[in-house]
Amino acid sequence: MSDQRVALVVGGARGIGGSTSEAFAATGHAVAVADLDAEAATGVALRLDPSGQRTLGLAVDVTERASVDAMIAAVLARFGRLDALVDCAGIIDPQPSVEVSDAAWQRMLTVHLDGTFRCARAAYPALVASGGGTIVNIASIAAHVGIPGRLSYSAAKGAIEAMTRVLAVEWAQDGIRVNAVAPGYTSTELVQRAIGSGRLDPDELIARVPLHRLADPSEIASVILFLSTSASSFITGQSIVADGGLIINTSW
């Protein structure tokens, strides 16, 4: 087994996931970039390492257990180990709570909550075999405050934080640390599209953030990287809020 640490970023082709893939590569990790968009994942992997020796692009559908299991198998076949898992896969579908259909509710939970569980469960044996490792789940400030139109999303993110705590306690004996990051509004493609369509007012958002700006995806990635390395070796079961002070600000 190689001594080089291996990171797997699910949803790693764009946004926070894309920046996280870049952060791992910049710190010497071998990086597996997995995404529903296989072409985008492969493109990011080749951009991070044109030789293709330290990166791997993979297709994954986190709503399907077989797809998630195949992803882990592919990482092990290529690199022989897994040390860090980050699950950034997600969707958004804002709508009034009374209009949320059973199908829309289930879809949101299937992608976010079930997908996070499937990835953690599939990665567990590989992390144990590598002598322990880290998992960073992606929560949200929506797990901490009530955001209109985000019922199913908020429920999923709150459950991800609860799951993070349980896994941290259960898997500590195996040397696996499990944490979460709860980003605030971040300047990703999804958020920029929401702003462009008029569904989000950037001026209103920024006015509520004490640091008076949206986060750059790289700033969230740096928190994820911190939780994935020995710099955070005594931190587990936590959800780190990275929102520029948004949810603690009552001055508005």
C-alpha atoms as a PDB file:
ATOM      1  CA  MET A   1       0.000   0.000   0.000  1.00  0.00           C
ATOM      2  CA  SER A   2       1.362   3.429  -0.968  1.00  0.00           C
ATOM      3  CA  ASP A   3       2.121   5.970   1.754  1.00  0.00           C
ATOM      4  CA  GLN A   4       0.501   8.796  -0.233  1.00  0.00           C
ATOM      5  CA  ARG A   5      -2.776   9.877   1.316  1.00  0.00           C
ATOM      6  CA  VAL A   6      -5.828   9.503  -0.897  1.00  0.00           C
ATOM      7  CA  ALA A   7      -8.874  11.763  -0.808  1.00  0.00           C
ATOM      8  CA  LEU A   8     -12.230  11.088  -2.431  1.00  0.00           C
ATOM      9  CA  VAL A   9     -14.433  14.099  -3.137  1.00  0.00           C
ATOM     10  CA  VAL A  10     -18.004  13.209  -4.074  1.00  0.00           C
ATOM     11  CA  GLY A  11     -19.638  15.989  -6.055  1.00  0.00           C
ATOM     12  CA  GLY A  12     -16.077  17.094  -6.653  1.00  0.00           C
ATOM     13  CA  ALA A  13     -16.373  18.644 -10.100  1.00  0.00           C
ATOM     14  CA  ARG A  14     -17.926  22.014  -9.268  1.00  0.00           C
ATOM     15  CA  GLY A  15     -18.571  24.552  -6.548  1.00  0.00           C
ATOM     16  CA  ILE A  16     -17.400  23.696  -3.049  1.00  0.00           C
ATOM     17  CA  GLY A  17     -16.586  20.173  -4.193  1.00  0.00           C
ATOM     18  CA  GLY A  18     -14.443  21.437  -7.044  1.00  0.00           C
ATOM     19  CA  SER A  19     -12.512  23.765  -4.752  1.00  0.00           C
ATOM     20  CA  THR A  20     -12.069  20.899  -2.289  1.00  0.00           C
ATOM     21  CA  SER A  21     -10.612  18.683  -5.013  1.00  0.00           C
ATOM     22  CA  GLU A  22      -8.158  21.469  -5.805  1.00  0.00           C
ATOM     23  CA  ALA A  23      -7.240  21.931  -2.138  1.00  0.00           C
ATOM     24  CA  PHE A  24      -6.432  18.261  -1.665  1.00  0.00           C
ATOM     25  CA  ALA A  25      -4.343  18.146  -4.839  1.00  0.00           C
ATOM     26  CA  ALA A  26      -2.426  21.268  -3.797  1.00  0.00           C
ATOM     27  CA  THR A  27      -1.438  19.616  -0.515  1.00  0.00           C
ATOM     28  CA  GLY A  28      -0.047  16.486  -2.136  1.00  0.00           C
ATOM     29  CA  HIS A  29      -2.985  14.114  -1.857  1.00  0.00           C
ATOM     30  CA  ALA A  30      -3.942  11.720  -4.581  1.00  0.00           C
ATOM     31  CA  VAL A  31      -7.479  12.805  -5.438  1.00  0.00           C
ATOM     32  CA  ALA A  32     -10.452  10.871  -6.761  1.00  0.00           C
ATOM     33  CA  VAL A  33     -13.035  13.277  -8.179  1.00  0.00           C
ATOM     34  CA  ALA A  34     -16.483  11.680  -8.318  1.00  0.00           C
ATOM     35  CA  ASP A  35     -19.529  13.362  -9.770  1.00  0.00           C
ATOM     36  CA  LEU A  36     -22.846  12.609 -11.434  1.00  0.00           C
ATOM     37  CA  ASP A  37     -21.321  14.405 -14.440  1.00  0.00           C
ATOM     38  CA  ALA A  38     -18.606  11.930 -15.404  1.00  0.00           C
ATOM     39  CA  GLU A  39     -17.159  14.179 -18.107  1.00  0.00           C
ATOM     40  CA  ALA A  40     -16.780  17.077 -15.676  1.00  0.00           C
ATOM     41  CA  ALA A  41     -15.172  14.804 -13.073  1.00  0.00           C
ATOM     42  CA  THR A  42     -12.652  13.515 -15.591  1.00  0.00           C
ATOM     43  CA  GLY A  43     -11.935  17.051 -16.755  1.00  0.00           C
ATOM     44  CA  VAL A  44     -11.194  18.263 -13.233  1.00  0.00           C
ATOM     45  CA  ALA A  45      -8.985  15.240 -12.548  1.00  0.00           C
ATOM     46  CA  LEU A  46      -6.923  15.847 -15.666  1.00  0.00           C
ATOM     47  CA  ARG A  47      -6.645  19.563 -14.941  1.00  0.00           C
ATOM     48  CA  LEU A  48      -5.325  18.851 -11.448  1.00  0.00           C
ATOM     49  CA  ASP A  49      -2.794  16.340 -12.799  1.00  0.00           C
ATOM     50  CA  PRO A  50      -2.403  16.180 -16.584  1.00  0.00           C
ATOM     51  CA  SER A  51      -0.297  13.023 -16.185  1.00  0.00           C
ATOM     52  CA  GLY A  52      -3.274  11.285 -14.599  1.00  0.00           C
ATOM     53  CA  GLN A  53      -1.027   9.565 -12.066  1.00  0.00           C
ATOM     54  CA  ARG A  54      -2.319  11.300  -8.913  1.00  0.00           C
ATOM     55  CA  THR A  55      -5.949  11.882  -9.864  1.00  0.00           C
ATOM     56  CA  LEU A  56      -8.940   9.886 -11.000  1.00  0.00           C
ATOM     57  CA  GLY A  57     -12.262  11.027 -12.429  1.00  0.00           C
ATOM     58  CA  LEU A  58     -15.303   8.897 -11.669  1.00  0.00           C
ATOM     59  CA  ALA A  59     -19.032   8.825 -12.318  1.00  0.00           C
ATOM     60  CA  VAL A  60     -21.264   8.282  -9.300  1.00  0.00           C
ATOM     61  CA  ASP A  61     -24.952   8.486  -8.527  1.00  0.00           C
ATOM     62  CA  VAL A  62     -25.294   8.765  -4.755  1.00  0.00           C
ATOM     63  CA  THR A  63     -28.930   7.689  -4.949  1.00  0.00           C
ATOM     64  CA  GLU A  64     -27.822   4.183  -5.988  1.00  0.00           C
ATOM     65  CA  ARG A  65     -25.938   1.929  -3.572  1.00  0.00           C
ATOM     66  CA  ALA A  66     -24.357  -0.077  -6.396  1.00  0.00           C
ATOM     67  CA  SER A  67     -22.949   3.101  -7.926  1.00  0.00           C
ATOM     68  CA  VAL A  68     -21.483   4.249  -4.601  1.00  0.00           C
ATOM     69  CA  ASP A  69     -19.966   0.836  -3.920  1.00  0.00           C
ATOM     70  CA  ALA A  70     -18.454   0.784  -7.418  1.00  0.00           C
ATOM     71  CA  MET A  71     -16.935   4.219  -6.788  1.00  0.00           C
ATOM     72  CA  ILE A  72     -15.127   3.011  -3.665  1.00  0.00           C
ATOM     73  CA  ALA A  73     -13.949  -0.111  -5.482  1.00  0.00           C
ATOM     74  CA  ALA A  74     -12.540   2.008  -8.306  1.00  0.00           C
ATOM     75  CA  VAL A  75     -10.630   4.239  -5.871  1.00  0.00           C
ATOM     76  CA  LEU A  76      -9.088   1.202  -4.166  1.00  0.00           C
ATOM     77  CA  ALA A  77      -8.248  -0.438  -7.486  1.00  0.00           C
ATOM     78  CA  ARG A  78      -6.411   2.686  -8.598  1.00  0.00           C
ATOM     79  CA  PHE A  79      -4.738   3.906  -5.413  1.00  0.00           C
ATOM     80  CA  GLY A  80      -4.892   0.958  -3.029  1.00  0.00           C
ATOM     81  CA  ARG A  81      -6.213   2.961  -0.089  1.00  0.00           C
ATOM     82  CA  LEU A  82      -8.579   5.698   1.060  1.00  0.00           C
ATOM     83  CA  ASP A  83      -7.812   8.223   3.796  1.00  0.00           C
ATOM     84  CA  ALA A  84     -10.332  11.035   3.421  1.00  0.00           C
ATOM     85  CA  LEU A  85     -13.924  11.150   2.216  1.00  0.00           C
ATOM     86  CA  VAL A  86     -15.813  14.366   1.516  1.00  0.00           C
ATOM     87  CA  ASP A  87     -19.401  14.232   0.266  1.00  0.00           C
ATOM     88  CA  CYS A  88     -20.393  17.456  -1.486  1.00  0.00           C
ATOM     89  CA  ALA A  89     -23.122  15.995  -3.698  1.00  0.00           C
ATOM     90  CA  GLY A  90     -26.357  17.931  -3.453  1.00  0.00           C
ATOM     91  CA  ILE A  91     -29.308  19.632  -5.104  1.00  0.00           C
ATOM     92  CA  ILE A  92     -31.565  22.568  -4.304  1.00  0.00           C
ATOM     93  CA  ASP A  93     -35.277  22.942  -4.999  1.00  0.00           C
ATOM     94  CA  PRO A  94     -36.753  25.879  -3.065  1.00  0.00           C
ATOM     95  CA  GLN A  95     -40.531  26.032  -2.785  1.00  0.00           C
ATOM     96  CA  PRO A  96     -43.216  26.796  -0.201  1.00  0.00           C
ATOM     97  CA  SER A  97     -43.553  23.975   2.319  1.00  0.00           C
ATOM     98  CA  VAL A  98     -47.253  23.420   1.609  1.00  0.00           C
ATOM     99  CA  GLU A  99     -46.397  22.774  -2.056  1.00  0.00           C
ATOM    100  CA  VAL A 100     -43.691  20.173  -1.422  1.00  0.00           C
ATOM    101  CA  SER A 101     -44.797  16.871  -2.960  1.00  0.00           C
ATOM    102  CA  ASP A 102     -43.941  13.485  -1.509  1.00  0.00           C
ATOM    103  CA  ALA A 103     -41.656  12.896  -4.482  1.00  0.00           C
ATOM    104  CA  ALA A 104     -39.824  16.206  -4.055  1.00  0.00           C
ATOM    105  CA  TRP A 105     -39.417  15.601  -0.323  1.00  0.00           C
ATOM    106  CA  GLN A 106     -38.024  12.118  -0.888  1.00  0.00           C
ATOM    107  CA  ARG A 107     -35.715  13.259  -3.689  1.00  0.00           C
ATOM    108  CA  MET A 108     -34.074  15.847  -1.464  1.00  0.00           C
ATOM    109  CA  LEU A 109     -33.541  13.379   1.365  1.00  0.00           C
ATOM    110  CA  THR A 110     -32.373  10.650  -1.011  1.00  0.00           C
ATOM    111  CA  VAL A 111     -29.635  12.814  -2.512  1.00  0.00           C
ATOM    112  CA  HIS A 112     -28.453  14.602   0.625  1.00  0.00           C
ATOM    113  CA  LEU A 113     -29.122  12.368   3.614  1.00  0.00           C
ATOM    114  CA  ASP A 114     -29.232   8.912   2.055  1.00  0.00           C
ATOM    115  CA  GLY A 115     -26.349   9.756  -0.268  1.00  0.00           C
ATOM    116  CA  THR A 116     -24.181  10.901   2.621  1.00  0.00           C
ATOM    117  CA  PHE A 117     -24.950   7.704   4.511  1.00  0.00           C
ATOM    118  CA  ARG A 118     -24.274   5.485   1.492  1.00  0.00           C
ATOM    119  CA  CYS A 119     -20.885   7.102   0.917  1.00  0.00           C
ATOM    120  CA  ALA A 120     -19.853   6.842   4.575  1.00  0.00           C
ATOM    121  CA  ARG A 121     -20.986   3.230   4.844  1.00  0.00           C
ATOM    122  CA  ALA A 122     -19.179   2.228   1.653  1.00  0.00           C
ATOM    123  CA  ALA A 123     -15.981   4.050   2.650  1.00  0.00           C
ATOM    124  CA  TYR A 124     -15.814   2.621   6.171  1.00  0.00           C
ATOM    125  CA  PRO A 125     -13.960  -0.653   5.400  1.00  0.00           C
ATOM    126  CA  ALA A 126     -11.413   1.173   3.238  1.00  0.00           C
ATOM    127  CA  LEU A 127     -10.767   3.789   5.929  1.00  0.00           C
ATOM    128  CA  VAL A 128     -10.298   1.063   8.542  1.00  0.00           C
ATOM    129  CA  ALA A 129      -7.902  -0.790   6.242  1.00  0.00           C
ATOM    130  CA  SER A 130      -5.831   2.376   5.848  1.00  0.00           C
ATOM    131  CA  GLY A 131      -5.454   2.652   9.612  1.00  0.00           C
ATOM    132  CA  GLY A 132      -8.224   5.182  10.115  1.00  0.00           C
ATOM    133  CA  GLY A 133      -9.067   8.366   8.298  1.00  0.00           C
ATOM    134  CA  THR A 134     -11.528  11.199   8.053  1.00  0.00           C
ATOM    135  CA  ILE A 135     -15.017  11.865   6.774  1.00  0.00           C
ATOM    136  CA  VAL A 136     -16.336  15.368   6.253  1.00  0.00           C
ATOM    137  CA  ASN A 137     -20.047  15.676   5.537  1.00  0.00           C
ATOM    138  CA  ILE A 138     -21.601  18.826   4.135  1.00  0.00           C
ATOM    139  CA  ALA A 139     -24.349  20.323   6.250  1.00  0.00           C
ATOM    140  CA  SER A 140     -25.623  23.913   5.962  1.00  0.00           C
ATOM    141  CA  ILE A 141     -26.694  26.904   7.987  1.00  0.00           C
ATOM    142  CA  ALA A 142     -30.170  25.629   7.054  1.00  0.00           C
ATOM    143  CA  ALA A 143     -29.624  22.995   9.756  1.00  0.00           C
ATOM    144  CA  HIS A 144     -29.449  25.804  12.346  1.00  0.00           C
ATOM    145  CA  VAL A 145     -31.972  28.439  11.272  1.00  0.00           C
ATOM    146  CA  GLY A 146     -35.368  28.492   9.586  1.00  0.00           C
ATOM    147  CA  ILE A 147     -35.033  29.462   5.918  1.00  0.00           C
ATOM    148  CA  PRO A 148     -38.365  29.832   4.103  1.00  0.00           C
ATOM    149  CA  GLY A 149     -38.730  27.534   1.130  1.00  0.00           C
ATOM    150  CA  ARG A 150     -36.067  25.101   2.313  1.00  0.00           C
ATOM    151  CA  LEU A 151     -38.117  22.567   4.296  1.00  0.00           C
ATOM    152  CA  SER A 152     -36.787  19.293   2.878  1.00  0.00           C
ATOM    153  CA  TYR A 153     -33.285  20.695   2.405  1.00  0.00           C
ATOM    154  CA  SER A 154     -33.143  21.888   6.010  1.00  0.00           C
ATOM    155  CA  ALA A 155     -34.480  18.572   7.299  1.00  0.00           C
ATOM    156  CA  ALA A 156     -31.828  16.674   5.351  1.00  0.00           C
ATOM    157  CA  LYS A 157     -28.996  18.914   6.515  1.00  0.00           C
ATOM    158  CA  GLY A 158     -30.095  18.737  10.145  1.00  0.00           C
ATOM    159  CA  ALA A 159     -30.183  14.956   9.897  1.00  0.00           C
ATOM    160  CA  ILE A 160     -26.703  14.928   8.368  1.00  0.00           C
ATOM    161  CA  GLU A 161     -25.384  16.723  11.443  1.00  0.00           C
ATOM    162  CA  ALA A 162     -27.085  14.178  13.723  1.00  0.00           C
ATOM    163  CA  MET A 163     -25.657  11.312  11.682  1.00  0.00           C
ATOM    164  CA  THR A 164     -22.207  12.889  11.850  1.00  0.00           C
ATOM    165  CA  ARG A 165     -22.296  12.785  15.648  1.00  0.00           C
ATOM    166  CA  VAL A 166     -23.398   9.147  15.774  1.00  0.00           C
ATOM    167  CA  LEU A 167     -20.753   7.979  13.294  1.00  0.00           C
ATOM    168  CA  ALA A 168     -18.072   9.955  15.131  1.00  0.00           C
ATOM    169  CA  VAL A 169     -18.833   8.113  18.372  1.00  0.00           C
ATOM    170  CA  GLU A 170     -19.182   4.670  16.783  1.00  0.00           C
ATOM    171  CA  TRP A 171     -16.139   4.867  14.522  1.00  0.00           C
ATOM    172  CA  ALA A 172     -13.683   6.628  16.843  1.00  0.00           C
ATOM    173  CA  GLN A 173     -12.476   3.195  17.998  1.00  0.00           C
ATOM    174  CA  ASP A 174     -11.412   2.543  14.404  1.00  0.00           C
ATOM    175  CA  GLY A 175      -9.388   5.749  14.216  1.00  0.00           C
ATOM    176  CA  ILE A 176     -11.956   7.454  11.985  1.00  0.00           C
ATOM    177  CA  ARG A 177     -12.900  11.057  12.674  1.00  0.00           C
ATOM    178  CA  VAL A 178     -16.251  12.255  11.319  1.00  0.00           C
ATOM    179  CA  ASN A 179     -17.101  15.953  11.132  1.00  0.00           C
ATOM    180  CA  ALA A 180     -19.317  18.262   9.122  1.00  0.00           C
ATOM    181  CA  VAL A 181     -19.059  21.735   7.630  1.00  0.00           C
ATOM    182  CA  ALA A 182     -22.122  23.971   7.534  1.00  0.00           C
ATOM    183  CA  PRO A 183     -21.532  26.645   4.892  1.00  0.00           C
ATOM    184  CA  GLY A 184     -23.428  29.868   4.624  1.00  0.00           C
ATOM    185  CA  TYR A 185     -24.199  31.458   1.272  1.00  0.00           C
ATOM    186  CA  THR A 186     -21.271  30.711  -1.013  1.00  0.00           C
ATOM    187  CA  SER A 187     -20.557  32.054  -4.469  1.00  0.00           C
ATOM    188  CA  THR A 188     -21.003  28.780  -6.336  1.00  0.00           C
ATOM    189  CA  GLU A 189     -22.538  28.301  -9.769  1.00  0.00           C
ATOM    190  CA  LEU A 190     -25.818  27.237  -8.137  1.00  0.00           C
ATOM    191  CA  VAL A 191     -26.010  30.393  -6.030  1.00  0.00           C
ATOM    192  CA  GLN A 192     -25.015  32.619  -8.928  1.00  0.00           C
ATOM    193  CA  ARG A 193     -27.764  31.076 -11.054  1.00  0.00           C
ATOM    194  CA  ALA A 194     -30.266  31.698  -8.260  1.00  0.00           C
ATOM    195  CA  ILE A 195     -29.131  35.322  -8.111  1.00  0.00           C
ATOM    196  CA  GLY A 196     -29.337  35.657 -11.883  1.00  0.00           C
ATOM    197  CA  SER A 197     -32.886  34.289 -11.939  1.00  0.00           C
ATOM    198  CA  GLY A 198     -33.996  36.655  -9.180  1.00  0.00           C
ATOM    199  CA  ARG A 199     -34.638  33.894  -6.618  1.00  0.00           C
ATOM    200  CA  LEU A 200     -31.908  35.315  -4.368  1.00  0.00           C
ATOM    201  CA  ASP A 201     -31.195  38.977  -3.657  1.00  0.00           C
ATOM    202  CA  PRO A 202     -27.421  39.302  -3.157  1.00  0.00           C
ATOM    203  CA  ASP A 203     -27.687  42.743  -1.571  1.00  0.00           C
ATOM    204  CA  GLU A 204     -30.115  41.453   1.061  1.00  0.00           C
ATOM    205  CA  LEU A 205     -27.903  38.453   1.796  1.00  0.00           C
ATOM    206  CA  ILE A 206     -24.713  40.475   2.073  1.00  0.00           C
ATOM    207  CA  ALA A 207     -26.404  43.012   4.332  1.00  0.00           C
ATOM    208  CA  ARG A 208     -27.075  40.233   6.844  1.00  0.00           C
ATOM    209  CA  VAL A 209     -23.516  38.851   6.821  1.00  0.00           C
ATOM    210  CA  PRO A 210     -21.248  40.639   9.330  1.00  0.00           C
ATOM    211  CA  LEU A 211     -18.264  40.096   6.991  1.00  0.00           C
ATOM    212  CA  HIS A 212     -20.357  41.772   4.246  1.00  0.00           C
ATOM    213  CA  ARG A 213     -19.799  39.272   1.450  1.00  0.00           C
ATOM    214  CA  LEU A 214     -20.561  35.785   0.262  1.00  0.00           C
ATOM    215  CA  ALA A 215     -18.012  33.054   0.858  1.00  0.00           C
ATOM    216  CA  ASP A 216     -15.688  31.979  -1.894  1.00  0.00           C
ATOM    217  CA  PRO A 217     -15.828  28.183  -2.426  1.00  0.00           C
ATOM    218  CA  SER A 218     -12.128  27.988  -1.622  1.00  0.00           C
ATOM    219  CA  GLU A 219     -12.825  29.314   1.879  1.00  0.00           C
ATOM    220  CA  ILE A 220     -15.196  26.435   2.601  1.00  0.00           C
ATOM    221  CA  ALA A 221     -12.714  24.023   1.051  1.00  0.00           C
ATOM    222  CA  SER A 222     -10.034  25.219   3.463  1.00  0.00           C
ATOM    223  CA  VAL A 223     -12.251  24.266   6.429  1.00  0.00           C
ATOM    224  CA  ILE A 224     -12.899  20.862   4.876  1.00  0.00           C
ATOM    225  CA  LEU A 225      -9.158  20.362   4.346  1.00  0.00           C
ATOM    226  CA  PHE A 226      -8.451  21.337   7.967  1.00  0.00           C
ATOM    227  CA  LEU A 227     -10.921  18.712   9.203  1.00  0.00           C
ATOM    228  CA  SER A 228      -9.347  16.134   6.883  1.00  0.00           C
ATOM    229  CA  THR A 229      -5.782  16.460   8.148  1.00  0.00           C
ATOM    230  CA  SER A 230      -3.828  16.004  11.358  1.00  0.00           C
ATOM    231  CA  ALA A 231      -4.221  19.726  12.064  1.00  0.00           C
ATOM    232  CA  SER A 232      -7.642  18.791  13.509  1.00  0.00           C
ATOM    233  CA  SER A 233      -6.562  15.505  15.094  1.00  0.00           C
ATOM    234  CA  PHE A 234      -8.608  15.969  18.307  1.00  0.00           C
ATOM    235  CA  ILE A 235     -11.793  17.183  16.629  1.00  0.00           C
ATOM    236  CA  THR A 236     -14.600  14.763  15.837  1.00  0.00           C
ATOM    237  CA  GLY A 237     -18.390  14.822  15.823  1.00  0.00           C
ATOM    238  CA  GLN A 238     -18.515  18.559  15.202  1.00  0.00           C
ATOM    239  CA  SER A 239     -20.256  20.740  12.655  1.00  0.00           C
ATOM    240  CA  ILE A 240     -18.189  23.807  11.840  1.00  0.00           C
ATOM    241  CA  VAL A 241     -20.320  26.742  10.695  1.00  0.00           C
ATOM    242  CA  ALA A 242     -18.584  28.829   8.035  1.00  0.00           C
ATOM    243  CA  ASP A 243     -21.008  31.627   7.221  1.00  0.00           C
ATOM    244  CA  GLY A 244     -19.272  34.940   7.894  1.00  0.00           C
ATOM    245  CA  GLY A 245     -21.314  35.313  11.072  1.00  0.00           C
ATOM    246  CA  LEU A 246     -24.711  35.184   9.350  1.00  0.00           C
ATOM    247  CA  ILE A 247     -26.604  32.993  11.806  1.00  0.00           C
ATOM    248  CA  ILE A 248     -25.351  34.809  14.918  1.00  0.00           C
ATOM    249  CA  ASN A 249     -26.143  38.254  13.567  1.00  0.00           C
ATOM    250  CA  THR A 250     -29.269  39.749  15.109  1.00  0.00           C
ATOM    251  CA  SER A 251     -28.431  43.374  14.366  1.00  0.00           C
ATOM    252  CA  TRP A 252     -30.566  43.455  11.224  1.00  0.00           C
END
